[in-house]
Amino acid sequence: MPVPAQVAPAQASPKKPIQAALPTVINTPSRIEADISKSREKLMEVALRSIRQEATDALATIRQRDEARRREIMNKPGCSPCDPPAVDPTYFQTLSASRH
């Protein structure tokens, strides 16, 4: 019965380096800081969403009222566009009040 031939160590194929699969570290300090920052941004967005919507609705109402008033003034016979009556509150006043 034939004996299988053994390969001499010098003739063996070169060994490949062992690659260890290391798990990624999830809770590094910089990662925790980034996660907290993202969470704060999301919470701030949720908190400001209703305020922004309310401001948008108020500005839309003011714009519609101003446009109606402009049409009324411009369609009046003898109207001078140089002296339009003031509309209260102005768009600028509304913007500056919403920032405080």
C-alpha atoms as a PDB file:
ATOM      1  CA  MET A   1       0.000   0.000   0.000  1.00  0.00           C
ATOM      2  CA  PRO A   2       1.492   3.342  -1.006  1.00  0.00           C
ATOM      3  CA  VAL A   3       2.243   5.835   1.729  1.00  0.00           C
ATOM      4  CA  PRO A   4       1.136   9.372   0.979  1.00  0.00           C
ATOM      5  CA  ALA A   5       4.027  11.707   0.399  1.00  0.00           C
ATOM      6  CA  GLN A   6       4.546  14.392   2.972  1.00  0.00           C
ATOM      7  CA  VAL A   7       5.488  17.865   1.921  1.00  0.00           C
ATOM      8  CA  ALA A   8       8.656  19.131   3.439  1.00  0.00           C
ATOM      9  CA  PRO A   9       8.275  22.337   5.476  1.00  0.00           C
ATOM     10  CA  ALA A  10      10.523  24.268   3.092  1.00  0.00           C
ATOM     11  CA  GLN A  11       8.244  23.377   0.176  1.00  0.00           C
ATOM     12  CA  ALA A  12       4.994  24.333   1.946  1.00  0.00           C
ATOM     13  CA  SER A  13       3.114  27.349   0.660  1.00  0.00           C
ATOM     14  CA  PRO A  14       3.870  30.552   2.544  1.00  0.00           C
ATOM     15  CA  LYS A  15       1.448  31.213   5.393  1.00  0.00           C
ATOM     16  CA  LYS A  16      -0.926  34.115   5.055  1.00  0.00           C
ATOM     17  CA  PRO A  17      -0.963  36.584   7.929  1.00  0.00           C
ATOM     18  CA  ILE A  18      -3.747  36.001  10.402  1.00  0.00           C
ATOM     19  CA  GLN A  19      -6.320  38.759  10.314  1.00  0.00           C
ATOM     20  CA  ALA A  20      -8.211  39.208  13.530  1.00  0.00           C
ATOM     21  CA  ALA A  21     -11.729  40.508  13.175  1.00  0.00           C
ATOM     22  CA  LEU A  22     -12.006  43.092  15.914  1.00  0.00           C
ATOM     23  CA  PRO A  23     -15.400  44.547  16.722  1.00  0.00           C
ATOM     24  CA  THR A  24     -15.796  48.287  16.234  1.00  0.00           C
ATOM     25  CA  VAL A  25     -16.031  50.328  19.383  1.00  0.00           C
ATOM     26  CA  ILE A  26     -19.410  51.990  19.468  1.00  0.00           C
ATOM     27  CA  ASN A  27     -19.225  54.049  22.645  1.00  0.00           C
ATOM     28  CA  THR A  28     -16.106  56.102  22.079  1.00  0.00           C
ATOM     29  CA  PRO A  29     -16.150  59.572  23.667  1.00  0.00           C
ATOM     30  CA  SER A  30     -16.326  61.317  20.303  1.00  0.00           C
ATOM     31  CA  ARG A  31     -19.138  59.036  19.158  1.00  0.00           C
ATOM     32  CA  ILE A  32     -21.104  59.680  22.355  1.00  0.00           C
ATOM     33  CA  GLU A  33     -20.628  63.436  21.913  1.00  0.00           C
ATOM     34  CA  ALA A  34     -21.825  63.248  18.301  1.00  0.00           C
ATOM     35  CA  ASP A  35     -24.875  61.179  19.270  1.00  0.00           C
ATOM     36  CA  ILE A  36     -25.794  63.652  22.018  1.00  0.00           C
ATOM     37  CA  SER A  37     -25.394  66.553  19.600  1.00  0.00           C
ATOM     38  CA  LYS A  38     -27.666  64.886  17.023  1.00  0.00           C
ATOM     39  CA  SER A  39     -30.258  64.130  19.695  1.00  0.00           C
ATOM     40  CA  ARG A  40     -30.232  67.745  20.877  1.00  0.00           C
ATOM     41  CA  GLU A  41     -30.725  68.972  17.315  1.00  0.00           C
ATOM     42  CA  LYS A  42     -33.697  66.637  16.837  1.00  0.00           C
ATOM     43  CA  LEU A  43     -35.299  67.740  20.112  1.00  0.00           C
ATOM     44  CA  MET A  44     -34.780  71.408  19.235  1.00  0.00           C
ATOM     45  CA  GLU A  45     -36.392  70.845  15.836  1.00  0.00           C
ATOM     46  CA  VAL A  46     -39.403  69.180  17.457  1.00  0.00           C
ATOM     47  CA  ALA A  47     -39.718  72.019  19.974  1.00  0.00           C
ATOM     48  CA  LEU A  48     -39.464  74.750  17.330  1.00  0.00           C
ATOM     49  CA  ARG A  49     -41.684  73.098  14.724  1.00  0.00           C
ATOM     50  CA  SER A  50     -44.969  74.353  16.234  1.00  0.00           C
ATOM     51  CA  ILE A  51     -43.533  77.843  16.837  1.00  0.00           C
ATOM     52  CA  ARG A  52     -42.374  78.073  13.226  1.00  0.00           C
ATOM     53  CA  GLN A  53     -45.717  76.840  11.953  1.00  0.00           C
ATOM     54  CA  GLU A  54     -47.545  79.420  14.063  1.00  0.00           C
ATOM     55  CA  ALA A  55     -45.272  82.193  12.748  1.00  0.00           C
ATOM     56  CA  THR A  56     -45.753  81.006   9.156  1.00  0.00           C
ATOM     57  CA  ASP A  57     -49.537  81.026   9.576  1.00  0.00           C
ATOM     58  CA  ALA A  58     -49.483  84.510  11.142  1.00  0.00           C
ATOM     59  CA  LEU A  59     -47.325  85.868   8.314  1.00  0.00           C
ATOM     60  CA  ALA A  60     -49.586  84.312   5.690  1.00  0.00           C
ATOM     61  CA  THR A  61     -52.591  85.994   7.286  1.00  0.00           C
ATOM     62  CA  ILE A  62     -50.795  89.352   7.353  1.00  0.00           C
ATOM     63  CA  ARG A  63     -49.703  88.981   3.719  1.00  0.00           C
ATOM     64  CA  GLN A  64     -53.256  88.217   2.612  1.00  0.00           C
ATOM     65  CA  ARG A  65     -54.618  91.193   4.557  1.00  0.00           C
ATOM     66  CA  ASP A  66     -51.918  93.497   3.141  1.00  0.00           C
ATOM     67  CA  GLU A  67     -52.571  92.333  -0.405  1.00  0.00           C
ATOM     68  CA  ALA A  68     -56.309  92.900  -0.008  1.00  0.00           C
ATOM     69  CA  ARG A  69     -55.635  96.372   1.385  1.00  0.00           C
ATOM     70  CA  ARG A  70     -53.274  97.184  -1.510  1.00  0.00           C
ATOM     71  CA  ARG A  71     -55.866  96.098  -4.057  1.00  0.00           C
ATOM     72  CA  GLU A  72     -58.513  98.190  -2.299  1.00  0.00           C
ATOM     73  CA  ILE A  73     -56.253 101.267  -2.308  1.00  0.00           C
ATOM     74  CA  MET A  74     -55.102 100.847  -5.899  1.00  0.00           C
ATOM     75  CA  ASN A  75     -58.631 100.272  -7.195  1.00  0.00           C
ATOM     76  CA  LYS A  76     -60.026 103.378  -5.487  1.00  0.00           C
ATOM     77  CA  PRO A  77     -60.510 106.251  -7.960  1.00  0.00           C
ATOM     78  CA  GLY A  78     -58.108 109.135  -7.385  1.00  0.00           C
ATOM     79  CA  CYS A  79     -55.697 107.000  -5.373  1.00  0.00           C
ATOM     80  CA  SER A  80     -52.110 108.083  -5.307  1.00  0.00           C
ATOM     81  CA  PRO A  81     -49.680 105.180  -4.936  1.00  0.00           C
ATOM     82  CA  CYS A  82     -47.162 107.627  -3.443  1.00  0.00           C
ATOM     83  CA  ASP A  83     -49.175 107.943  -0.212  1.00  0.00           C
ATOM     84  CA  PRO A  84     -50.368 104.448   0.748  1.00  0.00           C
ATOM     85  CA  PRO A  85     -51.803 104.253   4.255  1.00  0.00           C
ATOM     86  CA  ALA A  86     -49.754 102.350   6.838  1.00  0.00           C
ATOM     87  CA  VAL A  87     -50.665  98.773   7.560  1.00  0.00           C
ATOM     88  CA  ASP A  88     -50.268  97.657  11.153  1.00  0.00           C
ATOM     89  CA  PRO A  89     -48.175  95.610  11.999  1.00  0.00           C
ATOM     90  CA  THR A  90     -45.684  95.815   9.200  1.00  0.00           C
ATOM     91  CA  TYR A  91     -43.897  92.775   7.904  1.00  0.00           C
ATOM     92  CA  PHE A  92     -40.626  94.017   9.405  1.00  0.00           C
ATOM     93  CA  GLN A  93     -42.212  94.492  12.832  1.00  0.00           C
ATOM     94  CA  THR A  94     -43.581  90.965  12.696  1.00  0.00           C
ATOM     95  CA  LEU A  95     -40.161  89.541  11.823  1.00  0.00           C
ATOM     96  CA  SER A  96     -38.357  91.443  14.587  1.00  0.00           C
ATOM     97  CA  ALA A  97     -41.034  90.469  17.151  1.00  0.00           C
ATOM     98  CA  SER A  98     -40.736  86.779  16.249  1.00  0.00           C
ATOM     99  CA  ARG A  99     -37.003  86.841  16.984  1.00  0.00           C
ATOM    100  CA  HIS A 100     -37.477  87.935  20.599  1.00  0.00           C
END
